[in-house]
Amino acid sequence: MLTCTSTSSAAISTANLKIHMRVEASDTSEDDAIDGFGLAAQRYIESRCRMTVNASSWQKQTRDYIIPLEMGELDTLDAVVSVDDAGAETAITDYRLNSAPSLATLVIGKAVEAAEFRVRWTASAPDDMVESVTQAIAMTAAHFFANRESVVRGTIAAPMPMGVDMLCDSLTLARL
């Protein structure tokens, strides 16, 4: 199970979201909604692209001996432990870290026996992808702002291709 153990800060300020949404800077009546749409868009894009814009701490608990460290480029590997049935942790030193620009993978040694493993690390988006991830967040937040309901009335609706889909697909493919 993958868990974020620290909340990443907002990737885009309210002022910059307002510019993207074409909302006057002096109009503060929608600031709370804009911030909410910005954070919701950020969570959606980070989840979809499997990377965070800002450095965030992550934890994965698994029974697998080969563990992909998702959510961006590995900044630090903080802990590798075995977890027994009572929940007690024991540090593991018999592992190998295969660090690639797109995805780091932790390989636990065959001699290690444990009920489960718990790994903690910090990751963020690679520098060359931050701008694209941020743009996808701004586009999604603007879409949420302009289309607050998921229902269209009085017309026949068809899905419209979104630039966000193309950005997310290119970010995901770049990491393969």
Protein backbone atom coordinates (compact mmCIF):
# COMPACT_ATOMS: atom_id res chain seq x y z
CA MET A 1 0.00 0.00 0.00
CA LEU A 2 1.38 3.42 -1.02
CA THR A 3 0.80 6.29 1.42
CA CYS A 4 1.82 9.94 1.36
CA THR A 5 3.22 10.76 4.80
CA SER A 6 3.63 14.49 4.16
CA THR A 7 1.30 16.83 2.37
CA SER A 8 2.95 18.64 -0.49
CA SER A 9 2.35 22.37 -0.57
CA ALA A 10 0.31 24.01 -3.29
CA ALA A 11 2.17 23.91 -6.59
CA ILE A 12 0.51 27.06 -7.93
CA SER A 13 -0.34 30.22 -6.01
CA THR A 14 -3.85 31.66 -5.95
CA ALA A 15 -2.61 34.66 -7.93
CA ASN A 16 -1.20 32.48 -10.71
CA LEU A 17 -4.35 30.33 -10.81
CA LYS A 18 -6.44 33.51 -11.15
CA ILE A 19 -4.34 34.57 -14.14
CA HIS A 20 -4.88 31.18 -15.79
CA MET A 21 -8.62 31.30 -15.00
CA ARG A 22 -8.92 34.91 -16.22
CA VAL A 23 -10.18 36.11 -12.83
CA GLU A 24 -9.35 39.67 -11.80
CA ALA A 25 -6.64 39.80 -9.12
CA SER A 26 -8.73 42.27 -7.11
CA ASP A 27 -11.73 39.90 -6.98
CA THR A 28 -11.20 37.91 -3.77
CA SER A 29 -14.74 36.49 -3.55
CA GLU A 30 -13.69 33.19 -5.17
CA ASP A 31 -10.25 32.76 -3.56
CA ASP A 32 -11.25 29.87 -1.30
CA ALA A 33 -12.90 28.04 -4.21
CA ILE A 34 -9.88 28.68 -6.46
CA ASP A 35 -7.51 27.34 -3.79
CA GLY A 36 -9.72 24.27 -3.38
CA PHE A 37 -9.86 23.64 -7.13
CA GLY A 38 -6.07 24.11 -7.30
CA LEU A 39 -5.40 21.53 -4.58
CA ALA A 40 -7.95 19.08 -6.01
CA ALA A 41 -6.36 19.45 -9.45
CA GLN A 42 -2.90 18.95 -7.96
CA ARG A 43 -3.93 15.74 -6.19
CA TYR A 44 -5.58 14.47 -9.37
CA ILE A 45 -2.60 15.22 -11.63
CA GLU A 46 -0.04 13.92 -9.12
CA SER A 47 -2.00 10.70 -8.77
CA ARG A 48 -2.56 10.28 -12.48
CA CYS A 49 1.07 10.99 -13.44
CA ARG A 50 2.45 9.15 -10.38
CA MET A 51 4.70 12.06 -9.40
CA THR A 52 4.56 15.00 -7.04
CA VAL A 53 5.55 18.52 -7.98
CA ASN A 54 7.04 19.38 -4.59
CA ALA A 55 9.18 16.99 -2.58
CA SER A 56 6.87 14.72 -0.59
CA SER A 57 7.49 11.82 1.76
CA TRP A 58 6.08 8.41 0.87
CA GLN A 59 5.72 5.03 2.51
CA LYS A 60 5.00 1.68 0.92
CA GLN A 61 4.15 -1.47 2.83
CA THR A 62 4.34 -4.67 0.80
CA ARG A 63 5.27 -8.34 0.79
CA ASP A 64 7.20 -7.95 -2.49
CA TYR A 65 10.98 -8.18 -2.63
CA ILE A 66 11.13 -5.83 -5.63
CA ILE A 67 9.61 -2.48 -4.71
CA PRO A 68 9.17 0.40 -7.19
CA LEU A 69 9.57 3.79 -5.48
CA GLU A 70 6.98 5.78 -7.41
CA MET A 71 5.78 9.37 -7.27
CA GLY A 72 8.67 11.03 -9.03
CA GLU A 73 12.40 11.13 -8.89
CA LEU A 74 13.94 9.67 -5.73
CA ASP A 75 15.42 12.40 -3.52
CA THR A 76 16.24 10.35 -0.40
CA LEU A 77 15.74 6.80 0.81
CA ASP A 78 14.80 7.25 4.47
CA ALA A 79 14.12 3.73 5.81
CA VAL A 80 13.98 0.10 4.73
CA VAL A 81 12.57 -2.14 7.46
CA SER A 82 10.98 -5.52 7.94
CA VAL A 83 7.71 -5.63 9.83
CA ASP A 84 6.78 -8.66 11.90
CA ASP A 85 3.26 -9.87 12.73
CA ALA A 86 3.21 -7.70 15.89
CA GLY A 87 4.09 -4.58 13.87
CA ALA A 88 7.67 -4.27 15.19
CA GLU A 89 10.18 -2.85 12.70
CA THR A 90 13.73 -4.09 12.13
CA ALA A 91 16.16 -2.21 9.89
CA ILE A 92 17.22 -4.04 6.72
CA THR A 93 20.69 -3.54 5.26
CA ASP A 94 20.58 -6.32 2.65
CA TYR A 95 19.06 -4.45 -0.28
CA ARG A 96 20.07 -2.90 -3.59
CA LEU A 97 18.78 0.37 -4.97
CA ASN A 98 18.44 0.49 -8.74
CA SER A 99 18.17 4.20 -9.38
CA ALA A 100 17.07 5.24 -12.85
CA PRO A 101 16.13 8.77 -13.90
CA SER A 102 12.54 7.67 -14.40
CA LEU A 103 11.93 5.21 -11.57
CA ALA A 104 13.98 3.93 -8.65
CA THR A 105 13.47 0.33 -7.59
CA LEU A 106 14.46 -1.26 -4.30
CA VAL A 107 15.44 -4.94 -4.37
CA ILE A 108 15.47 -6.73 -0.99
CA GLY A 109 18.04 -9.52 -0.58
CA LYS A 110 16.80 -13.11 -0.85
CA ALA A 111 18.19 -13.96 2.60
CA VAL A 112 15.82 -11.50 4.31
CA GLU A 113 12.69 -13.13 5.66
CA ALA A 114 9.82 -10.97 6.84
CA ALA A 115 6.05 -10.88 6.93
CA GLU A 116 6.14 -7.49 5.23
CA PHE A 117 8.50 -4.71 4.26
CA ARG A 118 8.04 -0.99 4.86
CA VAL A 119 9.99 1.56 2.84
CA ARG A 120 10.01 5.32 3.37
CA TRP A 121 11.41 7.80 0.84
CA THR A 122 11.16 11.35 -0.46
CA ALA A 123 10.45 12.04 -4.13
CA SER A 124 9.59 14.94 -6.41
CA ALA A 125 9.03 15.56 -10.10
CA PRO A 126 12.18 15.62 -12.22
CA ASP A 127 13.26 19.18 -13.00
CA ASP A 128 12.52 18.78 -16.70
CA MET A 129 8.92 17.74 -15.97
CA VAL A 130 7.89 20.29 -13.30
CA GLU A 131 6.68 22.83 -15.86
CA SER A 132 4.47 20.28 -17.64
CA VAL A 133 3.02 18.95 -14.39
CA THR A 134 2.33 22.50 -13.20
CA GLN A 135 0.65 23.36 -16.51
CA ALA A 136 -1.56 20.25 -16.27
CA ILE A 137 -2.55 21.30 -12.73
CA ALA A 138 -3.44 24.84 -13.87
CA MET A 139 -5.49 23.51 -16.80
CA THR A 140 -7.38 21.05 -14.59
CA ALA A 141 -8.05 23.68 -11.91
CA ALA A 142 -9.38 26.06 -14.57
CA HIS A 143 -11.63 23.30 -15.90
CA PHE A 144 -12.95 22.63 -12.37
CA PHE A 145 -13.55 26.36 -11.89
CA ALA A 146 -15.42 26.82 -15.18
CA ASN A 147 -17.37 23.55 -15.00
CA ARG A 148 -18.44 23.14 -11.40
CA GLU A 149 -21.07 20.56 -12.25
CA SER A 150 -20.66 17.35 -14.22
CA VAL A 151 -24.05 17.65 -15.87
CA VAL A 152 -24.86 19.38 -19.13
CA ARG A 153 -28.48 20.40 -19.67
CA GLY A 154 -30.33 21.36 -22.80
CA THR A 155 -27.89 19.97 -25.32
CA ILE A 156 -26.41 16.77 -26.61
CA ALA A 157 -22.99 16.41 -25.03
CA ALA A 158 -19.92 14.66 -26.29
CA PRO A 159 -16.59 14.38 -24.52
CA MET A 160 -14.13 17.06 -25.52
CA PRO A 161 -10.46 16.11 -25.67
CA MET A 162 -8.51 17.87 -22.98
CA GLY A 163 -4.94 19.09 -23.24
CA VAL A 164 -4.48 17.72 -19.73
CA ASP A 165 -4.89 14.18 -21.09
CA MET A 166 -2.11 14.76 -23.59
CA LEU A 167 0.19 16.31 -20.96
CA CYS A 168 -0.40 13.50 -18.46
CA ASP A 169 0.07 10.82 -21.10
CA SER A 170 3.35 12.37 -22.21
CA LEU A 171 4.57 12.64 -18.60
CA THR A 172 3.66 9.04 -17.86
CA LEU A 173 5.26 7.74 -21.07
CA ALA A 174 8.42 9.76 -20.43
CA ARG A 175 8.96 7.78 -17.23
CA LEU A 176 8.72 4.33 -18.87
